[in-house]
PDB file of N, CA and C in Angstrom:
ATOM      1  N   MET A   1      -3.740  25.559   4.814  1.00  0.00           N
ATOM      2  CA  MET A   1      -2.668  24.757   5.379  1.00  0.00           C
ATOM      3  C   MET A   1      -1.460  24.770   4.412  1.00  0.00           C
ATOM      4  N   ASP A   2      -0.298  24.819   4.954  1.00  0.00           N
ATOM      5  CA  ASP A   2       0.949  24.846   4.165  1.00  0.00           C
ATOM      6  C   ASP A   2       1.113  23.577   3.348  1.00  0.00           C
ATOM      7  N   ASP A   3       1.663  23.745   2.136  1.00  0.00           N
ATOM      8  CA  ASP A   3       1.848  22.591   1.250  1.00  0.00           C
ATOM      9  C   ASP A   3       2.732  21.493   1.845  1.00  0.00           C
ATOM     10  N   LEU A   4       3.739  21.933   2.522  1.00  0.00           N
ATOM     11  CA  LEU A   4       4.626  20.916   3.166  1.00  0.00           C
ATOM     12  C   LEU A   4       3.847  20.182   4.232  1.00  0.00           C
ATOM     13  N   THR A   5       3.100  20.804   5.068  1.00  0.00           N
ATOM     14  CA  THR A   5       2.283  20.157   6.138  1.00  0.00           C
ATOM     15  C   THR A   5       1.282  19.207   5.541  1.00  0.00           C
ATOM     16  N   ARG A   6       0.570  19.654   4.452  1.00  0.00           N
ATOM     17  CA  ARG A   6      -0.331  18.766   3.801  1.00  0.00           C
ATOM     18  C   ARG A   6       0.324  17.518   3.202  1.00  0.00           C
ATOM     19  N   ALA A   7       1.443  17.681   2.615  1.00  0.00           N
ATOM     20  CA  ALA A   7       2.190  16.510   2.105  1.00  0.00           C
ATOM     21  C   ALA A   7       2.587  15.558   3.189  1.00  0.00           C
ATOM     22  N   ALA A   8       2.993  16.141   4.274  1.00  0.00           N
ATOM     23  CA  ALA A   8       3.448  15.314   5.444  1.00  0.00           C
ATOM     24  C   ALA A   8       2.216  14.570   6.024  1.00  0.00           C
ATOM     25  N   LEU A   9       1.086  15.176   6.103  1.00  0.00           N
ATOM     26  CA  LEU A   9      -0.023  14.516   6.735  1.00  0.00           C
ATOM     27  C   LEU A   9      -0.773  13.528   5.784  1.00  0.00           C
ATOM     28  N   LEU A  10      -0.854  13.920   4.522  1.00  0.00           N
ATOM     29  CA  LEU A  10      -1.639  13.117   3.569  1.00  0.00           C
ATOM     30  C   LEU A  10      -0.825  12.211   2.765  1.00  0.00           C
ATOM     31  N   PHE A  11       0.515  12.286   2.810  1.00  0.00           N
ATOM     32  CA  PHE A  11       1.315  11.372   1.978  1.00  0.00           C
ATOM     33  C   PHE A  11       2.322  10.532   2.872  1.00  0.00           C
ATOM     34  N   TRP A  12       3.118  11.267   3.674  1.00  0.00           N
ATOM     35  CA  TRP A  12       4.161  10.577   4.396  1.00  0.00           C
ATOM     36  C   TRP A  12       3.614   9.850   5.641  1.00  0.00           C
ATOM     37  N   LEU A  13       2.658  10.372   6.300  1.00  0.00           N
ATOM     38  CA  LEU A  13       2.101   9.743   7.405  1.00  0.00           C
ATOM     39  C   LEU A  13       1.392   8.372   7.115  1.00  0.00           C
ATOM     40  N   PRO A  14       0.634   8.282   5.931  1.00  0.00           N
ATOM     41  CA  PRO A  14       0.127   6.986   5.657  1.00  0.00           C
ATOM     42  C   PRO A  14       1.203   5.922   5.290  1.00  0.00           C
ATOM     43  N   ILE A  15       2.315   6.388   4.721  1.00  0.00           N
ATOM     44  CA  ILE A  15       3.423   5.469   4.449  1.00  0.00           C
ATOM     45  C   ILE A  15       3.977   4.919   5.797  1.00  0.00           C
ATOM     46  N   GLY A  16       4.118   5.722   6.742  1.00  0.00           N
ATOM     47  CA  GLY A  16       4.591   5.311   8.065  1.00  0.00           C
ATOM     48  C   GLY A  16       3.630   4.374   8.705  1.00  0.00           C
ATOM     49  N   PHE A  17       2.331   4.614   8.638  1.00  0.00           N
ATOM     50  CA  PHE A  17       1.311   3.782   9.260  1.00  0.00           C
ATOM     51  C   PHE A  17       1.213   2.480   8.455  1.00  0.00           C
ATOM     52  N   PHE A  18       1.480   2.458   7.187  1.00  0.00           N
ATOM     53  CA  PHE A  18       1.572   1.190   6.418  1.00  0.00           C
ATOM     54  C   PHE A  18       2.633   0.229   6.913  1.00  0.00           C
ATOM     55  N   VAL A  19       3.812   0.844   7.123  1.00  0.00           N
ATOM     56  CA  VAL A  19       4.931   0.093   7.637  1.00  0.00           C
ATOM     57  C   VAL A  19       4.621  -0.468   9.057  1.00  0.00           C
ATOM     58  N   LEU A  20       4.029   0.397   9.902  1.00  0.00           N
ATOM     59  CA  LEU A  20       3.670  -0.028  11.288  1.00  0.00           C
ATOM     60  C   LEU A  20       2.624  -1.140  11.248  1.00  0.00           C
ATOM     61  N   GLY A  21       1.647  -0.928  10.371  1.00  0.00           N
ATOM     62  CA  GLY A  21       0.555  -1.995  10.289  1.00  0.00           C
ATOM     63  C   GLY A  21       1.079  -3.325   9.748  1.00  0.00           C
ATOM     64  N   MET A  22       2.032  -3.318   8.807  1.00  0.00           N
ATOM     65  CA  MET A  22       2.611  -4.549   8.323  1.00  0.00           C
ATOM     66  C   MET A  22       3.456  -5.201   9.420  1.00  0.00           C
ATOM     67  N   PHE A  23       4.167  -4.417  10.183  1.00  0.00           N
ATOM     68  CA  PHE A  23       4.913  -4.904  11.274  1.00  0.00           C
ATOM     69  C   PHE A  23       4.000  -5.576  12.307  1.00  0.00           C
ATOM     70  N   LEU A  24       2.913  -4.912  12.664  1.00  0.00           N
ATOM     71  CA  LEU A  24       2.040  -5.526  13.656  1.00  0.00           C
ATOM     72  C   LEU A  24       1.327  -6.763  13.168  1.00  0.00           C
ATOM     73  N   SER A  25       0.922  -6.775  11.887  1.00  0.00           N
ATOM     74  CA  SER A  25       0.181  -7.925  11.437  1.00  0.00           C
ATOM     75  C   SER A  25       1.131  -9.131  11.160  1.00  0.00           C
ATOM     76  N   LEU A  26       2.421  -8.908  10.988  1.00  0.00           N
ATOM     77  CA  LEU A  26       3.322  -9.984  10.775  1.00  0.00           C
ATOM     78  C   LEU A  26       4.074 -10.461  12.044  1.00  0.00           C
ATOM     79  N   SER A  27       4.181  -9.585  13.069  1.00  0.00           N
ATOM     80  CA  SER A  27       5.057  -9.947  14.174  1.00  0.00           C
ATOM     81  C   SER A  27       4.327 -10.327  15.456  1.00  0.00           C
ATOM     82  N   ARG A  28       3.035 -10.080  15.576  1.00  0.00           N
ATOM     83  CA  ARG A  28       2.366 -10.314  16.862  1.00  0.00           C
ATOM     84  C   ARG A  28       1.535 -11.617  16.779  1.00  0.00           C
ATOM     85  N   LYS A  29       1.370 -12.162  17.979  1.00  0.00           N
ATOM     86  CA  LYS A  29       0.668 -13.447  18.062  1.00  0.00           C
ATOM     87  C   LYS A  29      -0.836 -13.249  18.310  1.00  0.00           C
ATOM     88  N   SER A  30      -1.224 -12.169  18.856  1.00  0.00           N
ATOM     89  CA  SER A  30      -2.635 -11.842  19.150  1.00  0.00           C
ATOM     90  C   SER A  30      -3.393 -11.621  17.880  1.00  0.00           C
ATOM     91  N   ASP A  31      -4.534 -12.294  17.740  1.00  0.00           N
ATOM     92  CA  ASP A  31      -5.406 -12.122  16.559  1.00  0.00           C
ATOM     93  C   ASP A  31      -5.960 -10.716  16.393  1.00  0.00           C
ATOM     94  N   VAL A  32      -6.269 -10.072  17.507  1.00  0.00           N
ATOM     95  CA  VAL A  32      -6.831  -8.774  17.551  1.00  0.00           C
ATOM     96  C   VAL A  32      -5.784  -7.751  16.940  1.00  0.00           C
ATOM     97  N   VAL A  33      -4.567  -7.924  17.411  1.00  0.00           N
ATOM     98  CA  VAL A  33      -3.513  -6.974  16.986  1.00  0.00           C
ATOM     99  C   VAL A  33      -3.168  -7.239  15.487  1.00  0.00           C
ATOM    100  N   LYS A  34      -3.203  -8.571  15.043  1.00  0.00           N
ATOM    101  CA  LYS A  34      -3.023  -8.848  13.630  1.00  0.00           C
ATOM    102  C   LYS A  34      -4.084  -8.277  12.812  1.00  0.00           C
ATOM    103  N   LYS A  35      -5.285  -8.309  13.196  1.00  0.00           N
ATOM    104  CA  LYS A  35      -6.386  -7.763  12.387  1.00  0.00           C
ATOM    105  C   LYS A  35      -6.319  -6.214  12.354  1.00  0.00           C
ATOM    106  N   LEU A  36      -5.927  -5.589  13.504  1.00  0.00           N
ATOM    107  CA  LEU A  36      -5.770  -4.167  13.543  1.00  0.00           C
ATOM    108  C   LEU A  36      -4.624  -3.762  12.653  1.00  0.00           C
ATOM    109  N   GLY A  37      -3.514  -4.496  12.643  1.00  0.00           N
ATOM    110  CA  GLY A  37      -2.388  -4.211  11.775  1.00  0.00           C
ATOM    111  C   GLY A  37      -2.784  -4.280  10.322  1.00  0.00           C
ATOM    112  N   ALA A  38      -3.514  -5.353   9.926  1.00  0.00           N
ATOM    113  CA  ALA A  38      -3.939  -5.482   8.555  1.00  0.00           C
ATOM    114  C   ALA A  38      -4.865  -4.337   8.141  1.00  0.00           C
ATOM    115  N   PHE A  39      -5.806  -3.991   9.004  1.00  0.00           N
ATOM    116  CA  PHE A  39      -6.714  -2.894   8.710  1.00  0.00           C
ATOM    117  C   PHE A  39      -5.957  -1.597   8.600  1.00  0.00           C
ATOM    118  N   THR A  40      -4.966  -1.330   9.439  1.00  0.00           N
ATOM    119  CA  THR A  40      -4.157  -0.133   9.352  1.00  0.00           C
ATOM    120  C   THR A  40      -3.384  -0.130   8.053  1.00  0.00           C
ATOM    121  N   SER A  41      -2.856  -1.235   7.648  1.00  0.00           N
ATOM    122  CA  SER A  41      -2.086  -1.346   6.404  1.00  0.00           C
ATOM    123  C   SER A  41      -2.942  -1.037   5.173  1.00  0.00           C
ATOM    124  N   VAL A  42      -4.102  -1.667   5.098  1.00  0.00           N
ATOM    125  CA  VAL A  42      -4.986  -1.435   3.955  1.00  0.00           C
ATOM    126  C   VAL A  42      -5.436   0.000   3.877  1.00  0.00           C
ATOM    127  N   THR A  43      -5.846   0.566   5.014  1.00  0.00           N
ATOM    128  CA  THR A  43      -6.328   1.961   5.015  1.00  0.00           C
ATOM    129  C   THR A  43      -5.157   2.903   4.656  1.00  0.00           C
ATOM    130  N   SER A  44      -4.009   2.641   5.167  1.00  0.00           N
ATOM    131  CA  SER A  44      -2.903   3.505   4.813  1.00  0.00           C
ATOM    132  C   SER A  44      -2.461   3.362   3.311  1.00  0.00           C
ATOM    133  N   LEU A  45      -2.592   2.165   2.819  1.00  0.00           N
ATOM    134  CA  LEU A  45      -2.301   1.988   1.376  1.00  0.00           C
ATOM    135  C   LEU A  45      -3.287   2.717   0.504  1.00  0.00           C
ATOM    136  N   LEU A  46      -4.493   2.696   0.877  1.00  0.00           N
ATOM    137  CA  LEU A  46      -5.566   3.463   0.130  1.00  0.00           C
ATOM    138  C   LEU A  46      -5.278   4.990   0.235  1.00  0.00           C
ATOM    139  N   LEU A  47      -4.899   5.455   1.391  1.00  0.00           N
ATOM    140  CA  LEU A  47      -4.596   6.887   1.528  1.00  0.00           C
ATOM    141  C   LEU A  47      -3.382   7.288   0.676  1.00  0.00           C
ATOM    142  N   PHE A  48      -2.452   6.369   0.665  1.00  0.00           N
ATOM    143  CA  PHE A  48      -1.260   6.593  -0.207  1.00  0.00           C
ATOM    144  C   PHE A  48      -1.649   6.664  -1.651  1.00  0.00           C
ATOM    145  N   LEU A  49      -2.480   5.729  -2.091  1.00  0.00           N
ATOM    146  CA  LEU A  49      -2.786   5.655  -3.499  1.00  0.00           C
ATOM    147  C   LEU A  49      -3.706   6.878  -3.956  1.00  0.00           C
ATOM    148  N   ILE A  50      -4.498   7.428  -3.041  1.00  0.00           N
ATOM    149  CA  ILE A  50      -5.281   8.623  -3.462  1.00  0.00           C
ATOM    150  C   ILE A  50      -4.540   9.949  -3.180  1.00  0.00           C
ATOM    151  N   SER A  51      -3.284   9.896  -2.807  1.00  0.00           N
ATOM    152  CA  SER A  51      -2.540  11.173  -2.546  1.00  0.00           C
ATOM    153  C   SER A  51      -2.394  12.023  -3.725  1.00  0.00           C
ATOM    154  N   PRO A  52      -2.360  11.571  -4.983  1.00  0.00           N
ATOM    155  CA  PRO A  52      -2.357  12.579  -6.067  1.00  0.00           C
ATOM    156  C   PRO A  52      -3.560  13.357  -6.161  1.00  0.00           C
ATOM    157  N   LEU A  53      -4.708  12.921  -5.628  1.00  0.00           N
ATOM    158  CA  LEU A  53      -5.941  13.649  -5.646  1.00  0.00           C
ATOM    159  C   LEU A  53      -5.976  14.594  -4.386  1.00  0.00           C
ATOM    160  N   THR A  54      -5.300  14.305  -3.317  1.00  0.00           N
ATOM    161  CA  THR A  54      -5.391  15.098  -2.159  1.00  0.00           C
ATOM    162  C   THR A  54      -4.274  16.140  -2.054  1.00  0.00           C
ATOM    163  N   VAL A  55      -3.082  15.825  -2.522  1.00  0.00           N
ATOM    164  CA  VAL A  55      -1.948  16.719  -2.591  1.00  0.00           C
ATOM    165  C   VAL A  55      -1.364  16.765  -3.994  1.00  0.00           C
ATOM    166  N   PRO A  56      -2.045  17.298  -4.949  1.00  0.00           N
ATOM    167  CA  PRO A  56      -1.530  17.246  -6.342  1.00  0.00           C
ATOM    168  C   PRO A  56      -0.305  18.082  -6.557  1.00  0.00           C
ATOM    169  N   GLU A  57      -0.136  19.169  -5.781  1.00  0.00           N
ATOM    170  CA  GLU A  57       0.980  20.065  -6.071  1.00  0.00           C
ATOM    171  C   GLU A  57       2.300  19.608  -5.489  1.00  0.00           C
ATOM    172  N   SER A  58       2.301  18.574  -4.622  1.00  0.00           N
ATOM    173  CA  SER A  58       3.488  18.074  -4.009  1.00  0.00           C
ATOM    174  C   SER A  58       4.291  17.183  -4.965  1.00  0.00           C
ATOM    175  N   PRO A  59       5.639  17.364  -5.002  1.00  0.00           N
ATOM    176  CA  PRO A  59       6.414  16.487  -5.837  1.00  0.00           C
ATOM    177  C   PRO A  59       6.534  15.019  -5.259  1.00  0.00           C
ATOM    178  N   SER A  60       6.137  14.893  -4.005  1.00  0.00           N
ATOM    179  CA  SER A  60       6.143  13.576  -3.373  1.00  0.00           C
ATOM    180  C   SER A  60       5.172  12.598  -3.938  1.00  0.00           C
ATOM    181  N   THR A  61       4.064  13.142  -4.514  1.00  0.00           N
ATOM    182  CA  THR A  61       3.050  12.248  -4.998  1.00  0.00           C
ATOM    183  C   THR A  61       3.470  11.586  -6.416  1.00  0.00           C
ATOM    184  N   GLU A  62       4.596  11.888  -6.910  1.00  0.00           N
ATOM    185  CA  GLU A  62       5.038  11.215  -8.131  1.00  0.00           C
ATOM    186  C   GLU A  62       5.270   9.739  -7.831  1.00  0.00           C
ATOM    187  N   LEU A  63       5.628   9.437  -6.614  1.00  0.00           N
ATOM    188  CA  LEU A  63       5.831   8.022  -6.225  1.00  0.00           C
ATOM    189  C   LEU A  63       4.497   7.251  -6.306  1.00  0.00           C
ATOM    190  N   SER A  64       3.430   7.900  -5.815  1.00  0.00           N
ATOM    191  CA  SER A  64       2.136   7.166  -5.887  1.00  0.00           C
ATOM    192  C   SER A  64       1.541   7.116  -7.275  1.00  0.00           C
ATOM    193  N   GLN A  65       1.887   8.127  -8.112  1.00  0.00           N
ATOM    194  CA  GLN A  65       1.486   8.074  -9.514  1.00  0.00           C
ATOM    195  C   GLN A  65       2.286   6.969 -10.239  1.00  0.00           C
ATOM    196  N   LEU A  66       3.551   6.781  -9.902  1.00  0.00           N
ATOM    197  CA  LEU A  66       4.275   5.648 -10.499  1.00  0.00           C
ATOM    198  C   LEU A  66       3.718   4.324 -10.057  1.00  0.00           C
ATOM    199  N   THR A  67       3.250   4.249  -8.774  1.00  0.00           N
ATOM    200  CA  THR A  67       2.622   3.040  -8.260  1.00  0.00           C
ATOM    201  C   THR A  67       1.319   2.711  -9.020  1.00  0.00           C
ATOM    202  N   TRP A  68       0.576   3.785  -9.350  1.00  0.00           N
ATOM    203  CA  TRP A  68      -0.647   3.543 -10.176  1.00  0.00           C
ATOM    204  C   TRP A  68      -0.301   3.024 -11.552  1.00  0.00           C
ATOM    205  N   TYR A  69       0.820   3.465 -12.114  1.00  0.00           N
ATOM    206  CA  TYR A  69       1.200   2.892 -13.446  1.00  0.00           C
ATOM    207  C   TYR A  69       1.715   1.452 -13.355  1.00  0.00           C
ATOM    208  N   ILE A  70       2.427   1.102 -12.295  1.00  0.00           N
ATOM    209  CA  ILE A  70       3.012  -0.245 -12.195  1.00  0.00           C
ATOM    210  C   ILE A  70       2.026  -1.314 -11.626  1.00  0.00           C
ATOM    211  N   LEU A  71       1.084  -0.888 -10.787  1.00  0.00           N
ATOM    212  CA  LEU A  71       0.175  -1.762 -10.094  1.00  0.00           C
ATOM    213  C   LEU A  71      -0.642  -2.685 -11.048  1.00  0.00           C
ATOM    214  N   PRO A  72      -1.267  -2.202 -12.115  1.00  0.00           N
ATOM    215  CA  PRO A  72      -2.007  -3.156 -12.997  1.00  0.00           C
ATOM    216  C   PRO A  72      -1.095  -4.160 -13.604  1.00  0.00           C
ATOM    217  N   ILE A  73       0.079  -3.796 -14.048  1.00  0.00           N
ATOM    218  CA  ILE A  73       1.051  -4.709 -14.637  1.00  0.00           C
ATOM    219  C   ILE A  73       1.479  -5.753 -13.686  1.00  0.00           C
ATOM    220  N   ALA A  74       1.746  -5.277 -12.427  1.00  0.00           N
ATOM    221  CA  ALA A  74       2.224  -6.239 -11.417  1.00  0.00           C
ATOM    222  C   ALA A  74       1.092  -7.207 -11.011  1.00  0.00           C
ATOM    223  N   LEU A  75      -0.152  -6.762 -10.955  1.00  0.00           N
ATOM    224  CA  LEU A  75      -1.251  -7.645 -10.617  1.00  0.00           C
ATOM    225  C   LEU A  75      -1.471  -8.682 -11.640  1.00  0.00           C
ATOM    226  N   LEU A  76      -1.384  -8.317 -12.977  1.00  0.00           N
ATOM    227  CA  LEU A  76      -1.477  -9.316 -14.031  1.00  0.00           C
ATOM    228  C   LEU A  76      -0.312 -10.307 -13.965  1.00  0.00           C
ATOM    229  N   LEU A  77       0.827  -9.810 -13.780  1.00  0.00           N
ATOM    230  CA  LEU A  77       2.048 -10.677 -13.735  1.00  0.00           C
ATOM    231  C   LEU A  77       1.946 -11.682 -12.588  1.00  0.00           C
ATOM    232  N   PHE A  78       1.588 -11.216 -11.372  1.00  0.00           N
ATOM    233  CA  PHE A  78       1.498 -12.061 -10.209  1.00  0.00           C
ATOM    234  C   PHE A  78       0.348 -13.091 -10.322  1.00  0.00           C
ATOM    235  N   SER A  79      -0.754 -12.610 -10.915  1.00  0.00           N
ATOM    236  CA  SER A  79      -1.868 -13.566 -11.085  1.00  0.00           C
ATOM    237  C   SER A  79      -1.498 -14.665 -12.069  1.00  0.00           C
ATOM    238  N   GLY A  80      -0.798 -14.324 -13.144  1.00  0.00           N
ATOM    239  CA  GLY A  80      -0.307 -15.304 -14.077  1.00  0.00           C
ATOM    240  C   GLY A  80       0.645 -16.297 -13.449  1.00  0.00           C
ATOM    241  N   LEU A  81       1.575 -15.782 -12.618  1.00  0.00           N
ATOM    242  CA  LEU A  81       2.517 -16.579 -11.943  1.00  0.00           C
ATOM    243  C   LEU A  81       1.819 -17.546 -10.934  1.00  0.00           C
ATOM    244  N   TYR A  82       0.800 -17.057 -10.262  1.00  0.00           N
ATOM    245  CA  TYR A  82       0.027 -17.832  -9.347  1.00  0.00           C
ATOM    246  C   TYR A  82      -0.698 -18.929 -10.047  1.00  0.00           C
ATOM    247  N   MET A  83      -1.370 -18.636 -11.164  1.00  0.00           N
ATOM    248  CA  MET A  83      -2.045 -19.641 -11.934  1.00  0.00           C
ATOM    249  C   MET A  83      -1.103 -20.683 -12.526  1.00  0.00           C
ATOM    250  N   THR A  84       0.082 -20.242 -12.936  1.00  0.00           N
ATOM    251  CA  THR A  84       1.006 -21.175 -13.460  1.00  0.00           C
ATOM    252  C   THR A  84       1.519 -22.132 -12.370  1.00  0.00           C
ATOM    253  N   SER A  85       1.792 -21.577 -11.183  1.00  0.00           N
ATOM    254  CA  SER A  85       2.372 -22.383 -10.095  1.00  0.00           C
ATOM    255  C   SER A  85       1.361 -23.356  -9.543  1.00  0.00           C
ATOM    256  N   PHE A  86       0.179 -22.954  -9.418  1.00  0.00           N
ATOM    257  CA  PHE A  86      -0.812 -23.775  -8.700  1.00  0.00           C
ATOM    258  C   PHE A  86      -1.957 -24.290  -9.604  1.00  0.00           C
ATOM    259  N   SER A  87      -1.676 -24.525 -10.885  1.00  0.00           N
ATOM    260  CA  SER A  87      -2.681 -24.929 -11.803  1.00  0.00           C
ATOM    261  C   SER A  87      -2.986 -26.445 -11.757  1.00  0.00           C
ATOM    262  N   GLY A  88      -2.186 -27.220 -11.096  1.00  0.00           N
ATOM    263  CA  GLY A  88      -2.478 -28.648 -11.085  1.00  0.00           C
ATOM    264  C   GLY A  88      -1.249 -29.474 -11.336  1.00  0.00           C
ATOM    265  N   ASN A  89      -1.478 -30.733 -11.699  1.00  0.00           N
ATOM    266  CA  ASN A  89      -0.415 -31.642 -11.915  1.00  0.00           C
ATOM    267  C   ASN A  89       0.384 -31.312 -13.147  1.00  0.00           C
ATOM    268  N   VAL A  90       1.703 -31.362 -13.058  1.00  0.00           N
ATOM    269  CA  VAL A  90       2.554 -31.148 -14.180  1.00  0.00           C
ATOM    270  C   VAL A  90       3.254 -32.449 -14.524  1.00  0.00           C
ATOM    271  N   VAL A  91       3.208 -32.915 -15.704  1.00  0.00           N
ATOM    272  CA  VAL A  91       3.800 -34.163 -16.074  1.00  0.00           C
ATOM    273  C   VAL A  91       5.137 -34.002 -16.633  1.00  0.00           C
TER     274      VAL A  91
END
């Protein structure tokens, strides 16, 4: 398969499905559609994050590699903010 086609199918398509899934899960009233949108978003995010393994020769995967570097720091930061915000009574 051509490198450009592999990058389109294994990198850019999951990004598009992530956006579509977020739109469906946030904008629809039906619970079934919301769950389907959330499932689509999580699956697409996982496909995006493993794209350096599936399409390593594509320059597009630098974005997902940057996400891998930033994700642990962001998770620690947001968990600290969450614990600070909701830790209890503040005098």
